[in-house]
C-alpha atoms as a PDB file:
ATOM      1  CA  UNK A   1      78.432 109.575 119.906  1.00  0.00           C
ATOM      2  CA  UNK A   2      80.360 112.101 117.807  1.00  0.00           C
ATOM      3  CA  UNK A   3      83.228 110.526 115.817  1.00  0.00           C
ATOM      4  CA  UNK A   4      86.058 112.456 114.188  1.00  0.00           C
ATOM      5  CA  UNK A   5      87.355 110.584 111.117  1.00  0.00           C
ATOM      6  CA  UNK A   6      90.639 112.151 110.029  1.00  0.00           C
ATOM      7  CA  UNK A   7      92.021 111.194 106.603  1.00  0.00           C
ATOM      8  CA  UNK A   8      95.509 112.662 106.386  1.00  0.00           C
ATOM      9  CA  UNK A   9      96.036 112.800 102.603  1.00  0.00           C
ATOM     10  CA  UNK A  10      92.828 114.654 101.633  1.00  0.00           C
ATOM     11  CA  UNK A  11      91.962 116.139 105.025  1.00  0.00           C
ATOM     12  CA  UNK A  12      94.647 118.820 104.845  1.00  0.00           C
ATOM     13  CA  UNK A  13      97.657 117.021 106.242  1.00  0.00           C
ATOM     14  CA  UNK A  14      99.437 117.236 102.873  1.00  0.00           C
ATOM     15  CA  UNK A  15      97.886 120.472 101.587  1.00  0.00           C
ATOM     16  CA  UNK A  16     101.296 121.893 100.649  1.00  0.00           C
ATOM     17  CA  UNK A  17     103.119 118.601 100.055  1.00  0.00           C
ATOM     18  CA  UNK A  18     103.194 116.665  96.743  1.00  0.00           C
ATOM     19  CA  UNK A  19     101.353 113.334  97.052  1.00  0.00           C
ATOM     20  CA  UNK A  20     100.703 110.786  94.317  1.00  0.00           C
ATOM     21  CA  UNK A  21      97.191 111.110  92.844  1.00  0.00           C
ATOM     22  CA  UNK A  22      96.571 107.381  93.358  1.00  0.00           C
ATOM     23  CA  UNK A  23      97.242 107.612  97.110  1.00  0.00           C
ATOM     24  CA  UNK A  24      94.954 110.650  97.400  1.00  0.00           C
ATOM     25  CA  UNK A  25      92.198 108.797  95.526  1.00  0.00           C
ATOM     26  CA  UNK A  26      92.560 105.815  97.854  1.00  0.00           C
ATOM     27  CA  UNK A  27      92.425 108.113 100.865  1.00  0.00           C
ATOM     28  CA  UNK A  28      89.238 109.795  99.677  1.00  0.00           C
ATOM     29  CA  UNK A  29      87.599 106.462  98.848  1.00  0.00           C
ATOM     30  CA  UNK A  30      88.391 105.086 102.305  1.00  0.00           C
ATOM     31  CA  UNK A  31      87.088 108.242 103.959  1.00  0.00           C
ATOM     32  CA  UNK A  32      83.872 108.161 101.945  1.00  0.00           C
ATOM     33  CA  UNK A  33      83.278 104.505 102.749  1.00  0.00           C
ATOM     34  CA  UNK A  34      83.944 104.436 106.476  1.00  0.00           C
ATOM     35  CA  UNK A  35      82.254 107.797 107.096  1.00  0.00           C
ATOM     36  CA  UNK A  36      79.094 106.573 105.362  1.00  0.00           C
ATOM     37  CA  UNK A  37      79.119 103.418 107.487  1.00  0.00           C
ATOM     38  CA  UNK A  38      79.709 105.125 110.832  1.00  0.00           C
ATOM     39  CA  UNK A  39      77.024 107.707 110.057  1.00  0.00           C
ATOM     40  CA  UNK A  40      74.517 104.834 109.718  1.00  0.00           C
ATOM     41  CA  UNK A  41      75.089 103.552 113.259  1.00  0.00           C
ATOM     42  CA  UNK A  42      72.159 104.706 115.417  1.00  0.00           C
ATOM     43  CA  UNK A  43      73.178 107.510 117.743  1.00  0.00           C
ATOM     44  CA  UNK A  44      76.430 108.285 115.894  1.00  0.00           C
ATOM     45  CA  UNK A  45      77.469 111.403 113.985  1.00  0.00           C
ATOM     46  CA  UNK A  46      80.625 112.038 111.958  1.00  0.00           C
ATOM     47  CA  UNK A  47      82.879 115.047 111.506  1.00  0.00           C
ATOM     48  CA  UNK A  48      85.891 115.231 109.183  1.00  0.00           C
ATOM     49  CA  UNK A  49      88.237 117.738 107.554  1.00  0.00           C
ATOM     50  CA  UNK A  50      88.809 118.297 103.840  1.00  0.00           C
ATOM     51  CA  UNK A  51      90.968 120.574 101.732  1.00  0.00           C
ATOM     52  CA  UNK A  52      88.996 123.309  99.908  1.00  0.00           C
ATOM     53  CA  UNK A  53      89.257 121.703  96.448  1.00  0.00           C
ATOM     54  CA  UNK A  54      88.229 118.203  97.572  1.00  0.00           C
ATOM     55  CA  UNK A  55      84.555 117.525  96.747  1.00  0.00           C
ATOM     56  CA  UNK A  56      82.284 116.800  99.677  1.00  0.00           C
ATOM     57  CA  UNK A  57      82.061 113.144 100.652  1.00  0.00           C
ATOM     58  CA  UNK A  58      79.464 111.523  98.419  1.00  0.00           C
ATOM     59  CA  UNK A  59      76.019 110.525  99.682  1.00  0.00           C
ATOM     60  CA  UNK A  60      76.532 112.139 103.061  1.00  0.00           C
ATOM     61  CA  UNK A  61      74.320 115.205 102.829  1.00  0.00           C
ATOM     62  CA  UNK A  62      72.892 114.204 106.193  1.00  0.00           C
ATOM     63  CA  UNK A  63      72.261 115.958 109.466  1.00  0.00           C
ATOM     64  CA  UNK A  64      74.678 113.619 111.257  1.00  0.00           C
ATOM     65  CA  UNK A  65      77.668 114.458 109.038  1.00  0.00           C
ATOM     66  CA  UNK A  66      79.817 117.586 109.107  1.00  0.00           C
ATOM     67  CA  UNK A  67      82.809 118.739 107.021  1.00  0.00           C
ATOM     68  CA  UNK A  68      85.334 121.307 108.260  1.00  0.00           C
ATOM     69  CA  UNK A  69      87.318 122.919 105.438  1.00  0.00           C
ATOM     70  CA  UNK A  70      90.999 123.568 106.227  1.00  0.00           C
ATOM     71  CA  UNK A  71      93.182 125.947 104.236  1.00  0.00           C
ATOM     72  CA  UNK A  72      96.698 124.625 104.814  1.00  0.00           C
ATOM     73  CA  UNK A  73      98.736 122.150 106.853  1.00  0.00           C
ATOM     74  CA  UNK A  74      99.024 124.448 109.865  1.00  0.00           C
ATOM     75  CA  UNK A  75      95.248 124.948 109.854  1.00  0.00           C
ATOM     76  CA  UNK A  76      94.711 121.198 109.610  1.00  0.00           C
ATOM     77  CA  UNK A  77      97.102 120.461 112.500  1.00  0.00           C
ATOM     78  CA  UNK A  78      95.327 122.948 114.761  1.00  0.00           C
ATOM     79  CA  UNK A  79      91.892 121.679 113.728  1.00  0.00           C
ATOM     80  CA  UNK A  80      92.949 118.072 114.317  1.00  0.00           C
ATOM     81  CA  UNK A  81      94.032 118.874 117.867  1.00  0.00           C
ATOM     82  CA  UNK A  82      90.875 120.877 118.545  1.00  0.00           C
ATOM     83  CA  UNK A  83      88.480 118.237 117.240  1.00  0.00           C
ATOM     84  CA  UNK A  84      90.241 115.478 119.187  1.00  0.00           C
ATOM     85  CA  UNK A  85      89.238 117.366 122.353  1.00  0.00           C
ATOM     86  CA  UNK A  86      85.649 117.943 121.216  1.00  0.00           C
ATOM     87  CA  UNK A  87      84.523 114.477 120.083  1.00  0.00           C
ATOM     88  CA  UNK A  88      83.854 111.136 121.756  1.00  0.00           C
ATOM     89  CA  UNK A  89      85.982 108.987 119.441  1.00  0.00           C
ATOM     90  CA  UNK A  90      88.662 109.431 116.764  1.00  0.00           C
ATOM     91  CA  UNK A  91      89.573 107.264 113.772  1.00  0.00           C
ATOM     92  CA  UNK A  92      92.805 108.242 112.017  1.00  0.00           C
ATOM     93  CA  UNK A  93      93.471 107.174 108.425  1.00  0.00           C
ATOM     94  CA  UNK A  94      97.081 107.954 107.495  1.00  0.00           C
ATOM     95  CA  UNK A  95     100.183 106.288 106.062  1.00  0.00           C
ATOM     96  CA  UNK A  96     102.762 104.809 108.419  1.00  0.00           C
ATOM     97  CA  UNK A  97     105.512 106.624 106.472  1.00  0.00           C
ATOM     98  CA  UNK A  98     107.688 108.965 108.555  1.00  0.00           C
ATOM     99  CA  UNK A  99     105.785 107.900 111.650  1.00  0.00           C
ATOM    100  CA  UNK A 100     102.718 109.943 110.636  1.00  0.00           C
ATOM    101  CA  UNK A 101     100.076 107.409 111.721  1.00  0.00           C
ATOM    102  CA  UNK A 102     101.781 106.620 115.037  1.00  0.00           C
ATOM    103  CA  UNK A 103     102.323 110.293 115.823  1.00  0.00           C
ATOM    104  CA  UNK A 104      98.683 111.118 115.126  1.00  0.00           C
ATOM    105  CA  UNK A 105      97.458 108.241 117.262  1.00  0.00           C
ATOM    106  CA  UNK A 106      99.791 109.340 120.052  1.00  0.00           C
ATOM    107  CA  UNK A 107      98.115 112.754 119.944  1.00  0.00           C
ATOM    108  CA  UNK A 108      94.736 111.056 120.316  1.00  0.00           C
ATOM    109  CA  UNK A 109      96.016 109.070 123.277  1.00  0.00           C
ATOM    110  CA  UNK A 110      96.865 112.358 125.010  1.00  0.00           C
ATOM    111  CA  UNK A 111      93.279 113.634 125.100  1.00  0.00           C
ATOM    112  CA  UNK A 112      90.172 112.304 126.886  1.00  0.00           C
ATOM    113  CA  UNK A 113      88.610 110.541 123.905  1.00  0.00           C
ATOM    114  CA  UNK A 114      88.357 106.981 122.588  1.00  0.00           C
ATOM    115  CA  UNK A 115      90.775 105.874 119.887  1.00  0.00           C
ATOM    116  CA  UNK A 116      89.471 103.606 117.130  1.00  0.00           C
ATOM    117  CA  UNK A 117      93.041 102.849 116.036  1.00  0.00           C
ATOM    118  CA  UNK A 118      95.785 100.467 117.060  1.00  0.00           C
ATOM    119  CA  UNK A 119      98.170 101.706 119.740  1.00  0.00           C
ATOM    120  CA  UNK A 120     101.154 103.807 118.603  1.00  0.00           C
ATOM    121  CA  UNK A 121     103.483 101.018 119.735  1.00  0.00           C
ATOM    122  CA  UNK A 122     101.740  98.438 117.533  1.00  0.00           C
ATOM    123  CA  UNK A 123     101.751 100.865 114.604  1.00  0.00           C
ATOM    124  CA  UNK A 124     105.473 101.522 114.996  1.00  0.00           C
ATOM    125  CA  UNK A 125     106.229  97.799 115.001  1.00  0.00           C
ATOM    126  CA  UNK A 126     104.135  97.076 111.920  1.00  0.00           C
ATOM    127  CA  UNK A 127     105.341 100.187 110.094  1.00  0.00           C
ATOM    128  CA  UNK A 128     108.990  99.169 110.417  1.00  0.00           C
ATOM    129  CA  UNK A 129     109.293  96.400 107.834  1.00  0.00           C
ATOM    130  CA  UNK A 130     112.614  95.123 109.197  1.00  0.00           C
ATOM    131  CA  UNK A 131     111.402  94.992 112.813  1.00  0.00           C
ATOM    132  CA  UNK A 132     108.180  93.344 111.675  1.00  0.00           C
ATOM    133  CA  UNK A 133     110.005  90.682 109.673  1.00  0.00           C
ATOM    134  CA  UNK A 134     112.240  89.936 112.664  1.00  0.00           C
ATOM    135  CA  UNK A 135     109.179  89.796 114.928  1.00  0.00           C
ATOM    136  CA  UNK A 136     107.359  87.347 112.675  1.00  0.00           C
ATOM    137  CA  UNK A 137     110.450  85.169 112.335  1.00  0.00           C
ATOM    138  CA  UNK A 138     110.917  85.089 116.126  1.00  0.00           C
ATOM    139  CA  UNK A 139     107.252  84.154 116.557  1.00  0.00           C
ATOM    140  CA  UNK A 140     107.641  81.233 114.142  1.00  0.00           C
ATOM    141  CA  UNK A 141     105.327  82.796 111.552  1.00  0.00           C
ATOM    142  CA  UNK A 142     106.190  82.415 107.848  1.00  0.00           C
ATOM    143  CA  UNK A 143     107.380  85.612 106.204  1.00  0.00           C
ATOM    144  CA  UNK A 144     109.928  86.767 103.625  1.00  0.00           C
ATOM    145  CA  UNK A 145     113.626  87.006 104.582  1.00  0.00           C
ATOM    146  CA  UNK A 146     114.404  90.695 104.955  1.00  0.00           C
ATOM    147  CA  UNK A 147     117.640  92.581 105.507  1.00  0.00           C
ATOM    148  CA  UNK A 148     119.029  96.089 105.260  1.00  0.00           C
ATOM    149  CA  UNK A 149     120.794  96.964 102.058  1.00  0.00           C
ATOM    150  CA  UNK A 150     124.192  98.518 101.547  1.00  0.00           C
ATOM    151  CA  UNK A 151     124.061 100.384  98.251  1.00  0.00           C
ATOM    152  CA  UNK A 152     127.834  99.975  97.951  1.00  0.00           C
ATOM    153  CA  UNK A 153     127.376  96.227  97.461  1.00  0.00           C
ATOM    154  CA  UNK A 154     126.789  95.401  93.791  1.00  0.00           C
ATOM    155  CA  UNK A 155     123.849  93.168  92.873  1.00  0.00           C
ATOM    156  CA  UNK A 156     126.124  90.374  91.612  1.00  0.00           C
ATOM    157  CA  UNK A 157     126.628  89.407  95.269  1.00  0.00           C
ATOM    158  CA  UNK A 158     122.913  88.678  95.633  1.00  0.00           C
ATOM    159  CA  UNK A 159     120.769  85.908  94.233  1.00  0.00           C
ATOM    160  CA  UNK A 160     118.566  87.734  91.726  1.00  0.00           C
ATOM    161  CA  UNK A 161     115.802  88.616  91.350  1.00  0.00           C
ATOM    162  CA  UNK A 162     115.202  90.633  94.517  1.00  0.00           C
ATOM    163  CA  UNK A 163     112.730  93.259  95.694  1.00  0.00           C
ATOM    164  CA  UNK A 164     114.050  96.560  96.986  1.00  0.00           C
ATOM    165  CA  UNK A 165     111.692  98.489  99.259  1.00  0.00           C
ATOM    166  CA  UNK A 166     111.917 101.168 101.962  1.00  0.00           C
ATOM    167  CA  UNK A 167     112.017 100.163 105.599  1.00  0.00           C
ATOM    168  CA  UNK A 168     109.423 102.845 106.286  1.00  0.00           C
ATOM    169  CA  UNK A 169     107.072 103.326 103.368  1.00  0.00           C
ATOM    170  CA  UNK A 170     103.564 102.977 101.969  1.00  0.00           C
ATOM    171  CA  UNK A 171     101.839 102.895  98.615  1.00  0.00           C
ATOM    172  CA  UNK A 172     104.663 100.990  96.834  1.00  0.00           C
ATOM    173  CA  UNK A 173     106.825 104.103  97.039  1.00  0.00           C
ATOM    174  CA  UNK A 174     110.482 103.323  96.186  1.00  0.00           C
ATOM    175  CA  UNK A 175     109.656  99.652  95.629  1.00  0.00           C
ATOM    176  CA  UNK A 176     111.483  97.965  92.732  1.00  0.00           C
ATOM    177  CA  UNK A 177     111.951  94.516  91.259  1.00  0.00           C
ATOM    178  CA  UNK A 178     115.706  94.167  90.619  1.00  0.00           C
ATOM    179  CA  UNK A 179     116.841  91.655  87.989  1.00  0.00           C
ATOM    180  CA  UNK A 180     120.018  93.173  86.616  1.00  0.00           C
ATOM    181  CA  UNK A 181     122.591  95.935  87.084  1.00  0.00           C
ATOM    182  CA  UNK A 182     120.635  98.475  85.028  1.00  0.00           C
ATOM    183  CA  UNK A 183     117.579  98.110  87.260  1.00  0.00           C
ATOM    184  CA  UNK A 184     119.830  98.248  90.320  1.00  0.00           C
ATOM    185  CA  UNK A 185     121.460 101.489  89.167  1.00  0.00           C
ATOM    186  CA  UNK A 186     118.076 103.079  88.466  1.00  0.00           C
ATOM    187  CA  UNK A 187     116.697 102.078  91.867  1.00  0.00           C
ATOM    188  CA  UNK A 188     119.826 103.202  93.711  1.00  0.00           C
ATOM    189  CA  UNK A 189     119.603 106.586  91.986  1.00  0.00           C
ATOM    190  CA  UNK A 190     115.936 106.891  93.022  1.00  0.00           C
ATOM    191  CA  UNK A 191     116.851 106.228  96.647  1.00  0.00           C
ATOM    192  CA  UNK A 192     119.683 108.744  96.494  1.00  0.00           C
ATOM    193  CA  UNK A 193     117.410 111.385  94.954  1.00  0.00           C
ATOM    194  CA  UNK A 194     114.826 110.782  97.677  1.00  0.00           C
ATOM    195  CA  UNK A 195     117.528 110.974 100.370  1.00  0.00           C
ATOM    196  CA  UNK A 196     116.515 107.456 101.424  1.00  0.00           C
ATOM    197  CA  UNK A 197     119.749 105.521 100.894  1.00  0.00           C
ATOM    198  CA  UNK A 198     119.862 104.527 104.575  1.00  0.00           C
ATOM    199  CA  UNK A 199     116.283 103.255 104.434  1.00  0.00           C
ATOM    200  CA  UNK A 200     116.482 100.408 101.912  1.00  0.00           C
ATOM    201  CA  UNK A 201     115.577  96.769 102.486  1.00  0.00           C
ATOM    202  CA  UNK A 202     116.070  93.814 100.188  1.00  0.00           C
ATOM    203  CA  UNK A 203     114.000  90.635  99.959  1.00  0.00           C
ATOM    204  CA  UNK A 204     114.134  87.690  97.574  1.00  0.00           C
ATOM    205  CA  UNK A 205     111.460  87.948  94.903  1.00  0.00           C
ATOM    206  CA  UNK A 206     108.878  85.209  95.437  1.00  0.00           C
ATOM    207  CA  UNK A 207     106.525  84.397  92.591  1.00  0.00           C
ATOM    208  CA  UNK A 208     102.912  83.741  93.474  1.00  0.00           C
ATOM    209  CA  UNK A 209      99.454  85.212  93.965  1.00  0.00           C
ATOM    210  CA  UNK A 210      99.177  88.401  96.024  1.00  0.00           C
ATOM    211  CA  UNK A 211      96.519  88.013  98.706  1.00  0.00           C
ATOM    212  CA  UNK A 212      95.166  90.186 101.481  1.00  0.00           C
ATOM    213  CA  UNK A 213      92.816  89.702 104.379  1.00  0.00           C
ATOM    214  CA  UNK A 214      91.035  92.212 106.566  1.00  0.00           C
ATOM    215  CA  UNK A 215      90.625  91.508 110.259  1.00  0.00           C
ATOM    216  CA  UNK A 216      87.991  93.135 112.437  1.00  0.00           C
ATOM    217  CA  UNK A 217      89.029  93.517 116.069  1.00  0.00           C
ATOM    218  CA  UNK A 218      87.087  94.893 118.996  1.00  0.00           C
ATOM    219  CA  UNK A 219      88.639  98.072 120.378  1.00  0.00           C
ATOM    220  CA  UNK A 220      90.057  96.149 123.333  1.00  0.00           C
ATOM    221  CA  UNK A 221      91.688  93.740 120.874  1.00  0.00           C
ATOM    222  CA  UNK A 222      90.229  90.662 122.551  1.00  0.00           C
ATOM    223  CA  UNK A 223      87.762  89.718 119.832  1.00  0.00           C
ATOM    224  CA  UNK A 224      89.188  89.034 116.367  1.00  0.00           C
ATOM    225  CA  UNK A 225      87.444  87.893 113.238  1.00  0.00           C
ATOM    226  CA  UNK A 226      88.799  87.356 109.742  1.00  0.00           C
ATOM    227  CA  UNK A 227      86.970  88.789 106.763  1.00  0.00           C
ATOM    228  CA  UNK A 228      86.983  86.859 103.458  1.00  0.00           C
ATOM    229  CA  UNK A 229      90.385  86.470 101.810  1.00  0.00           C
ATOM    230  CA  UNK A 230      90.932  88.879  98.916  1.00  0.00           C
ATOM    231  CA  UNK A 231      93.234  88.975  95.915  1.00  0.00           C
ATOM    232  CA  UNK A 232      95.340  92.032  95.114  1.00  0.00           C
ATOM    233  CA  UNK A 233      95.846  93.513  91.646  1.00  0.00           C
ATOM    234  CA  UNK A 234      99.423  94.782  91.320  1.00  0.00           C
ATOM    235  CA  UNK A 235     101.076  96.499  88.381  1.00  0.00           C
ATOM    236  CA  UNK A 236     103.264  94.287  86.195  1.00  0.00           C
ATOM    237  CA  UNK A 237     105.981  96.904  85.641  1.00  0.00           C
ATOM    238  CA  UNK A 238     108.204  95.819  88.525  1.00  0.00           C
ATOM    239  CA  UNK A 239     106.941  98.589  90.814  1.00  0.00           C
ATOM    240  CA  UNK A 240     104.146  96.573  92.506  1.00  0.00           C
ATOM    241  CA  UNK A 241     101.717  99.480  92.431  1.00  0.00           C
ATOM    242  CA  UNK A 242      98.435  98.573  94.098  1.00  0.00           C
ATOM    243  CA  UNK A 243      95.593  98.771  91.566  1.00  0.00           C
ATOM    244  CA  UNK A 244      92.715  97.305  93.573  1.00  0.00           C
ATOM    245  CA  UNK A 245      91.475  93.837  94.323  1.00  0.00           C
ATOM    246  CA  UNK A 246      88.870  91.105  94.223  1.00  0.00           C
ATOM    247  CA  UNK A 247      86.965  89.662  97.179  1.00  0.00           C
ATOM    248  CA  UNK A 248      86.833  86.771  97.688  1.00  0.00           C
ATOM    249  CA  UNK A 249      90.024  85.527  96.064  1.00  0.00           C
ATOM    250  CA  UNK A 250      89.877  82.618  93.658  1.00  0.00           C
ATOM    251  CA  UNK A 251      91.483  80.114  96.030  1.00  0.00           C
ATOM    252  CA  UNK A 252      90.343  76.866  97.603  1.00  0.00           C
ATOM    253  CA  UNK A 253      88.454  76.817 100.922  1.00  0.00           C
ATOM    254  CA  UNK A 254      91.423  74.973 102.448  1.00  0.00           C
ATOM    255  CA  UNK A 255      93.836  77.763 101.449  1.00  0.00           C
ATOM    256  CA  UNK A 256      91.395  80.399 102.703  1.00  0.00           C
ATOM    257  CA  UNK A 257      91.169  78.632 106.063  1.00  0.00           C
ATOM    258  CA  UNK A 258      94.971  78.460 106.251  1.00  0.00           C
ATOM    259  CA  UNK A 259      95.251  82.192 105.505  1.00  0.00           C
ATOM    260  CA  UNK A 260      92.735  82.979 108.249  1.00  0.00           C
ATOM    261  CA  UNK A 261      94.579  80.803 110.761  1.00  0.00           C
ATOM    262  CA  UNK A 262      97.858  82.536 109.926  1.00  0.00           C
ATOM    263  CA  UNK A 263      96.236  85.989 110.169  1.00  0.00           C
ATOM    264  CA  UNK A 264      94.859  85.261 113.628  1.00  0.00           C
ATOM    265  CA  UNK A 265      98.279  83.970 114.674  1.00  0.00           C
ATOM    266  CA  UNK A 266      99.870  87.240 113.556  1.00  0.00           C
ATOM    267  CA  UNK A 267      97.269  89.239 115.494  1.00  0.00           C
ATOM    268  CA  UNK A 268      97.824  87.178 118.609  1.00  0.00           C
ATOM    269  CA  UNK A 269     101.564  87.871 118.456  1.00  0.00           C
ATOM    270  CA  UNK A 270     101.171  91.675 118.551  1.00  0.00           C
ATOM    271  CA  UNK A 271      99.849  93.688 121.480  1.00  0.00           C
ATOM    272  CA  UNK A 272      97.731  96.758 120.777  1.00  0.00           C
ATOM    273  CA  UNK A 273      95.943  95.859 117.546  1.00  0.00           C
ATOM    274  CA  UNK A 274      92.369  97.147 117.375  1.00  0.00           C
ATOM    275  CA  UNK A 275      89.628  98.100 114.937  1.00  0.00           C
ATOM    276  CA  UNK A 276      90.280  97.267 111.288  1.00  0.00           C
ATOM    277  CA  UNK A 277      93.669  96.046 110.048  1.00  0.00           C
ATOM    278  CA  UNK A 278      94.839  94.534 106.776  1.00  0.00           C
ATOM    279  CA  UNK A 279      97.342  91.741 106.245  1.00  0.00           C
ATOM    280  CA  UNK A 280      99.165  91.291 102.917  1.00  0.00           C
ATOM    281  CA  UNK A 281     100.346  87.798 102.024  1.00  0.00           C
ATOM    282  CA  UNK A 282     101.632  85.808  99.091  1.00  0.00           C
ATOM    283  CA  UNK A 283     100.482  82.373  98.026  1.00  0.00           C
ATOM    284  CA  UNK A 284     103.679  81.089  96.449  1.00  0.00           C
ATOM    285  CA  UNK A 285     103.810  79.001  93.286  1.00  0.00           C
ATOM    286  CA  UNK A 286     104.883  76.135  95.575  1.00  0.00           C
ATOM    287  CA  UNK A 287     101.669  76.436  97.603  1.00  0.00           C
ATOM    288  CA  UNK A 288     103.198  78.067 100.699  1.00  0.00           C
ATOM    289  CA  UNK A 289     101.690  81.143 102.369  1.00  0.00           C
ATOM    290  CA  UNK A 290     103.929  83.918 103.639  1.00  0.00           C
ATOM    291  CA  UNK A 291     103.180  87.196 105.362  1.00  0.00           C
ATOM    292  CA  UNK A 292     104.355  90.249 103.420  1.00  0.00           C
ATOM    293  CA  UNK A 293     103.307  93.016 105.802  1.00  0.00           C
ATOM    294  CA  UNK A 294     100.602  94.147 108.202  1.00  0.00           C
ATOM    295  CA  UNK A 295      98.835  97.469 107.731  1.00  0.00           C
ATOM    296  CA  UNK A 296      97.684  98.613 111.205  1.00  0.00           C
ATOM    297  CA  UNK A 297      94.949 100.833 109.798  1.00  0.00           C
ATOM    298  CA  UNK A 298      92.065 101.021 107.371  1.00  0.00           C
ATOM    299  CA  UNK A 299      93.055  99.791 103.905  1.00  0.00           C
ATOM    300  CA  UNK A 300      91.555 100.147 100.442  1.00  0.00           C
ATOM    301  CA  UNK A 301      90.141  96.619 100.647  1.00  0.00           C
ATOM    302  CA  UNK A 302      87.596  97.998 103.127  1.00  0.00           C
ATOM    303  CA  UNK A 303      85.817  99.426 100.080  1.00  0.00           C
ATOM    304  CA  UNK A 304      85.270  95.921  98.720  1.00  0.00           C
ATOM    305  CA  UNK A 305      84.317  94.355 102.040  1.00  0.00           C
ATOM    306  CA  UNK A 306      81.538  96.841 102.705  1.00  0.00           C
ATOM    307  CA  UNK A 307      80.009  96.021  99.309  1.00  0.00           C
ATOM    308  CA  UNK A 308      79.790  92.340 100.279  1.00  0.00           C
ATOM    309  CA  UNK A 309      78.601  92.774 103.865  1.00  0.00           C
ATOM    310  CA  UNK A 310      74.938  93.466 104.578  1.00  0.00           C
ATOM    311  CA  UNK A 311      75.657  94.979 107.975  1.00  0.00           C
ATOM    312  CA  UNK A 312      77.860  97.846 109.151  1.00  0.00           C
ATOM    313  CA  UNK A 313      81.487  96.770 109.560  1.00  0.00           C
ATOM    314  CA  UNK A 314      82.487  99.386 112.185  1.00  0.00           C
ATOM    315  CA  UNK A 315      79.844  98.052 114.559  1.00  0.00           C
ATOM    316  CA  UNK A 316      82.146  95.079 115.042  1.00  0.00           C
ATOM    317  CA  UNK A 317      84.794  97.350 116.584  1.00  0.00           C
ATOM    318  CA  UNK A 318      82.427  98.371 119.346  1.00  0.00           C
ATOM    319  CA  UNK A 319      81.337  94.960 120.633  1.00  0.00           C
ATOM    320  CA  UNK A 320      82.974  92.493 122.974  1.00  0.00           C
ATOM    321  CA  UNK A 321      80.947  89.545 121.707  1.00  0.00           C
ATOM    322  CA  UNK A 322      80.792  88.036 118.218  1.00  0.00           C
ATOM    323  CA  UNK A 323      81.913  90.692 115.771  1.00  0.00           C
ATOM    324  CA  UNK A 324      80.145  89.836 112.525  1.00  0.00           C
ATOM    325  CA  UNK A 325      77.293  87.553 111.583  1.00  0.00           C
ATOM    326  CA  UNK A 326      78.591  85.138 108.953  1.00  0.00           C
ATOM    327  CA  UNK A 327      75.112  84.925 107.431  1.00  0.00           C
ATOM    328  CA  UNK A 328      75.279  88.644 106.566  1.00  0.00           C
ATOM    329  CA  UNK A 329      77.844  88.131 103.801  1.00  0.00           C
ATOM    330  CA  UNK A 330      76.449  88.303 100.286  1.00  0.00           C
ATOM    331  CA  UNK A 331      77.189  85.623  97.716  1.00  0.00           C
ATOM    332  CA  UNK A 332      79.308  86.378  94.667  1.00  0.00           C
ATOM    333  CA  UNK A 333      82.395  88.568  94.464  1.00  0.00           C
ATOM    334  CA  UNK A 334      83.317  92.207  94.039  1.00  0.00           C
ATOM    335  CA  UNK A 335      86.166  93.842  92.118  1.00  0.00           C
ATOM    336  CA  UNK A 336      87.332  97.290  93.134  1.00  0.00           C
ATOM    337  CA  UNK A 337      89.945  99.598  91.733  1.00  0.00           C
ATOM    338  CA  UNK A 338      92.075 102.259  93.385  1.00  0.00           C
ATOM    339  CA  UNK A 339      92.743 104.040  90.081  1.00  0.00           C
ATOM    340  CA  UNK A 340      90.171 105.202  87.519  1.00  0.00           C
ATOM    341  CA  UNK A 341      89.575 103.776  84.050  1.00  0.00           C
ATOM    342  CA  UNK A 342      91.245 100.433  84.718  1.00  0.00           C
END
C-alpha cells in the first residue's frame, strides 16, 4: 500500500506564508515520526512533499520512502491533488486554523483513496472552540465555560483572571492570560492587528496541571483505545506556548483511569473520529478534570508515545480488533520538547 503523508507547514503549504519556527519544527518532527512508523509496516511505502530548504526526513533513506520537492504553494497544491489520486491512502497533518485541515480532508474524500483522518465534519466541530464547548456541555461532559468576547466590554465587567483565545486557532496563537487592563489592552491590540477581533473567546482561568491523552481509533471509528496520559509543558509567560511534554504524567492510577474514561466519553459523543487524535485536559487544583479541547489530528505527543511503544502505532488504525497490546508499552517515562535547547 502506498501512503501519502502530507504535512502542511513544511510540505509546501506555507512556502510563501510566515509561520512560527516552533510550529514548523513540530510539523517536521511529526512528519519524521509517523513516516518512519508507516514505512516499517510490511507492504507499505510512503511518499511526502517538502519545501526545497527542508532537510530530508531523518533515517528514511529507504527504498519504500519517497520525497517530492515543491517550489511554492501553487506547486504544492497541484502536487497534493495529484498524489491523492495516485496513492492508496492519505494522512493529512495540518492545523485546523482557517479550515485548512477540514478543507484538505474534504479534497481527499473527493478522490478514490482511503483517508487516515477524521471526517471533515468532525474536524470542523472540534476546530471551532465555541461549538465544541457547547457540544461538550450538551453531552454532559466537563469542560471550561466559553463565550464570545466583545472587545468593547472592559475587563472590569469580568471576573479576572481570564484566558483570551481565538475561536479558530492552533499553536497558542493569540492566546493570552488577562489579569488587568494593561494585559487586556495589549491583547485587544494584537487581535485588531491580526484582523481577528470577531474571533475572540474568553474563558475563566483555571489553575491546575495541563494534561493530554492520545487516542488510537480504527479508521471506521468503532475501536478506540486510550494511550497513557501525558503531561504538557506550557510557557509561564501567560501565552501558554506548548513546549513539549512527559509521558506518562505524574498522576495517580485513579486519576489516569478517570481521564481515560472521560476521553472515551468524548470520542463516543462525536461522529467521524478516526486514526490518531489528541485530547487536552486540565487537572484542576481542586482535583476535577475538565476537557480543554480536542485535536482531531496527529499531535506532537505522538513523538513521545512512539518512544514508549514497542510496536508500530499506525497499525492500530488499520485493525478492527484490539488496537494495541498493553504488554508492548515500555516501563519508565519519556520527556520530549517541541523547541530546541530547552
